[in-house]
Protein backbone atom coordinates (compact mmCIF):
# COMPACT_ATOMS: atom_id res chain seq x y z
CA ARG A 1 14.14 7.27 70.41
CA LEU A 2 18.08 7.45 70.43
CA GLN A 3 18.04 7.56 66.65
CA TYR A 4 15.33 10.35 66.16
CA ASP A 5 17.26 12.66 68.39
CA SER A 6 20.19 12.48 66.39
CA ALA A 7 18.07 12.69 62.98
CA GLU A 8 16.53 16.03 64.81
CA VAL A 9 20.11 17.41 65.54
CA TYR A 10 21.39 17.01 62.16
CA LEU A 11 17.69 18.08 60.56
CA LEU A 12 18.26 21.11 62.22
CA LYS A 13 21.90 22.02 61.64
CA SER A 14 20.65 21.11 57.57
CA ILE A 15 17.95 23.90 57.97
CA SER A 16 20.85 26.24 59.72
CA ILE A 17 23.33 25.92 56.72
CA CYS A 18 20.66 26.16 54.04
CA GLU A 19 19.38 29.37 55.57
CA GLU A 20 22.79 30.88 55.54
CA LEU A 21 23.69 29.50 52.44
CA ASN A 22 19.79 31.01 51.14
CA ASP A 23 19.69 27.78 49.11
CA LYS A 24 15.86 28.04 49.37
CA ASN A 25 15.20 24.43 47.58
CA ARG A 26 17.24 22.94 50.07
CA LEU A 27 15.87 24.38 52.78
CA ALA A 28 12.40 24.13 51.96
CA GLU A 29 13.63 19.78 51.37
CA SER A 30 14.95 20.01 54.79
CA TYR A 31 11.62 21.37 56.32
CA ASN A 32 9.74 18.68 54.69
CA SER A 33 12.25 16.18 56.31
CA ALA A 34 11.79 17.44 59.55
CA GLY A 35 7.75 17.46 59.11
CA VAL A 36 8.01 13.55 58.73
CA LEU A 37 10.41 13.42 61.81
CA PHE A 38 8.08 15.38 63.83
CA TYR A 39 4.80 13.53 62.51
CA ARG A 40 7.11 10.12 63.63
CA THR A 41 7.76 11.31 66.97
CA GLY A 42 3.87 12.28 67.88
CA ARG A 43 4.62 16.38 67.61
CA SER A 44 1.88 16.88 64.37
CA THR A 45 1.23 20.14 64.93
CA ILE A 46 4.89 20.91 64.68
CA ALA A 47 5.35 18.39 61.54
CA LEU A 48 2.51 20.33 59.92
CA GLU A 49 4.10 23.64 60.48
CA GLN A 50 7.22 22.55 58.86
CA HIS A 51 5.19 21.02 55.62
CA PHE A 52 3.88 24.72 55.62
CA LYS A 53 7.32 26.50 55.47
CA ALA A 54 8.49 23.70 52.75
CA LEU A 55 5.19 25.04 50.80
CA GLU A 56 6.13 28.65 50.98
CA LEU A 57 9.53 28.10 49.55
CA PHE A 58 8.53 25.54 46.86
CA ARG A 59 5.97 27.75 46.09
CA GLN A 60 8.91 30.68 45.34
CA THR A 61 11.27 28.74 43.86
CA ASN A 62 8.09 27.27 41.19
CA ASN A 63 9.48 23.41 42.27
CA GLN A 64 6.58 21.80 40.99
CA ILE A 65 7.70 18.22 41.76
CA GLN A 66 8.17 19.02 45.86
CA LEU A 67 5.19 21.42 45.52
CA ALA A 68 3.16 17.91 44.59
CA ASN A 69 4.99 16.13 47.81
CA THR A 70 4.22 18.79 50.16
CA TYR A 71 0.81 19.34 49.07
CA TYR A 72 0.39 15.59 49.80
CA ASN A 73 2.21 15.75 53.12
CA ILE A 74 -0.22 18.19 54.34
CA SER A 75 -3.38 16.32 53.13
CA SER A 76 -2.37 13.52 54.76
CA LEU A 77 -1.05 14.95 58.14
CA ILE A 78 -4.39 16.65 57.91
CA TYR A 79 -6.38 13.56 57.65
CA LYS A 80 -4.36 11.97 60.15
CA PHE A 81 -5.74 14.64 62.71
CA ARG A 82 -9.00 15.00 61.20
CA HIS A 83 -11.69 16.00 63.79
CA ASN A 84 -14.67 17.34 61.96
CA LYS A 85 -16.19 17.77 58.16
CA SER A 86 -13.35 20.82 57.68
CA ASP A 87 -11.09 18.89 58.16
CA TYR A 88 -11.82 16.41 55.50
CA ILE A 89 -12.58 19.58 52.96
CA LYS A 90 -9.21 20.96 53.86
CA ALA A 91 -7.61 18.06 52.97
CA LEU A 92 -9.36 16.92 49.86
CA GLU A 93 -8.59 20.58 48.55
CA TYR A 94 -4.51 19.85 49.59
CA LEU A 95 -4.44 16.31 47.66
CA ASP A 96 -6.45 18.22 44.67
CA SER A 97 -3.10 20.70 44.37
CA SER A 98 -0.94 17.80 44.76
CA LEU A 99 -2.73 15.71 41.95
CA TYR A 100 -2.78 19.43 39.50
CA CYS A 101 1.00 19.77 40.13
CA SER A 102 1.60 15.81 39.54
CA LYS A 103 -0.73 15.76 36.01
CA ILE A 104 0.65 18.96 34.51
CA ASN A 105 4.53 17.36 35.32
CA ASN A 106 2.93 13.86 33.79
CA TYR A 107 4.48 12.82 37.47
CA ILE A 108 2.29 9.26 37.18
CA GLU A 109 3.55 7.79 40.13
CA SER A 110 2.16 10.76 42.52
CA VAL A 111 -0.77 10.85 40.36
CA SER A 112 -1.40 7.20 41.28
CA ASP A 113 -0.44 7.69 45.09
CA ASN A 114 -3.12 10.80 45.34
CA TYR A 115 -5.84 8.86 43.94
CA LEU A 116 -5.08 6.06 46.70
CA LEU A 117 -5.24 8.77 49.42
CA LYS A 118 -8.17 10.60 47.73
CA SER A 119 -10.25 7.23 47.90
CA THR A 120 -9.38 6.60 51.50
CA ILE A 121 -9.99 10.05 52.44
CA LEU A 122 -13.30 10.08 50.67
CA THR A 123 -14.20 7.01 52.23
CA SER A 124 -13.68 7.72 56.00
CA PHE A 125 -15.43 11.21 55.13
CA SER A 126 -18.49 9.02 53.91
CA GLU A 127 -18.83 7.28 57.45
CA LEU A 128 -19.34 10.97 59.19
CA GLU A 129 -22.73 10.70 61.17
CA SER A 130 -23.48 13.85 60.57
CA LEU A 131 -23.68 13.79 56.74
CA SER A 132 -27.01 13.17 54.98
CA LEU A 133 -27.57 9.77 53.28
CA ASN A 134 -27.71 11.25 49.54
CA GLU A 135 -24.19 13.12 50.79
CA LYS A 136 -22.71 9.48 51.79
CA LEU A 137 -23.85 8.40 48.70
CA ASN A 138 -21.88 10.92 46.83
CA LEU A 139 -18.55 10.56 48.68
CA THR A 140 -18.85 6.67 48.10
CA GLN A 141 -18.85 6.95 44.86
CA GLN A 142 -16.54 9.57 44.39
CA ALA A 143 -14.15 7.41 46.23
CA LEU A 144 -14.68 4.32 44.05
CA GLU A 145 -13.85 6.67 41.05
CA SER A 146 -10.76 7.88 42.87
CA PHE A 147 -9.74 4.03 43.86
CA LYS A 148 -10.39 3.16 39.95
CA LEU A 149 -7.99 5.71 38.75
CA HIS A 150 -5.30 4.80 40.96
CA LYS A 151 -5.51 1.35 39.36
CA THR A 152 -5.81 2.86 36.26
CA PHE A 153 -2.30 4.68 36.79
CA SER A 154 -0.88 1.98 38.93
CA ASP A 155 -1.13 -0.57 35.75
CA SER A 156 0.26 1.97 33.33
CA ILE A 157 3.62 2.25 35.78
CA PHE A 158 3.29 -1.22 36.01
CA ASN A 159 2.83 -2.19 31.99
CA LYS A 160 5.76 0.72 31.37
CA GLU A 161 8.30 -1.47 33.95
CA VAL A 162 7.41 -4.85 32.16
CA LEU A 163 7.89 -2.56 28.68
CA ASN A 164 11.26 -1.48 29.97
CA ASN A 165 12.42 -4.84 31.49
CA THR A 166 11.16 -6.58 27.84
CA VAL A 167 13.26 -4.31 25.49
CA LYS A 168 16.07 -4.76 27.60
CA GLN A 169 15.50 -8.63 28.28
CA GLN A 170 15.54 -8.50 24.08
CA LEU A 171 18.93 -6.03 24.29
CA ASN A 172 20.55 -8.30 25.86
CA PHE A 173 19.74 -11.30 23.72
CA GLU A 174 20.49 -9.59 21.13
CA PHE A 175 23.75 -8.69 22.39
CA ASP A 176 24.70 -11.89 23.58
CA LYS A 177 24.00 -13.62 20.21
CA LYS A 178 25.94 -11.42 18.32
CA GLU A 179 28.78 -12.11 20.76
CA ALA A 180 28.02 -15.84 20.37
CA GLN A 181 28.68 -15.22 16.53
CA LEU A 182 31.73 -13.44 16.99
CA LYS A 183 33.20 -16.26 18.98
CA ILE A 184 32.08 -18.90 16.34
CA GLU A 185 33.79 -16.61 13.67
CA GLN A 186 36.71 -16.22 15.47
CA GLU A 187 37.33 -20.17 16.43
CA LYS A 188 36.62 -20.53 12.50
CA LYS A 189 39.52 -18.30 11.50
CA GLY A 190 41.58 -19.89 14.05
CA VAL A 191 41.05 -23.53 12.98
CA ILE A 192 41.56 -22.14 9.35
CA ALA A 193 44.74 -20.19 10.75
CA ASN A 194 45.98 -23.62 12.34
CA ALA A 195 45.09 -25.61 9.00
CA ASN A 196 47.07 -23.27 6.73
CA LYS A 197 50.24 -23.78 8.99
CA LYS A 198 50.20 -27.52 9.30
CA ARG A 199 49.84 -27.30 5.28
CA GLN A 200 52.64 -25.10 4.93
């Protein structure tokens, strides 16, 4: 609890400084951090308010990557404290906005995370008793599609990392090979130089 209290003090200071400097991006980032902190300390309403403040500023600065993150945070919070059908719909709307920002900026990790959360929300939504059987089936199908898309993007991230690591290993191997060849050549030159000295 003490850690959270001191984090809150520093965050409020950060917000105050950013306001004075009129640094909208950093101010919005501080609001997002405050939102996460308030959520962790059980103050979900204030947490949501902080994320909405961040959203407004990121819209002004057109910071697409941070907009994607903020839409995601809002969607996740609304989903966590859902009460009815309209909360699910709202959570999905904000998540679709996050997905849009992520896709147009080729922010693949975020796209993958979005589809995973979408699958979770849709699955939970499909379990509402007030829904008809058709609605439940439709939502379950959408949840499955979203999970498949999450896997596709997740695998592409993994494959990219594997490729990068393979290229890195190949480059290291080539470098080590060249270094070993240089050493052999230097040793040869040393042996030839010593033999010439002995002859002389």
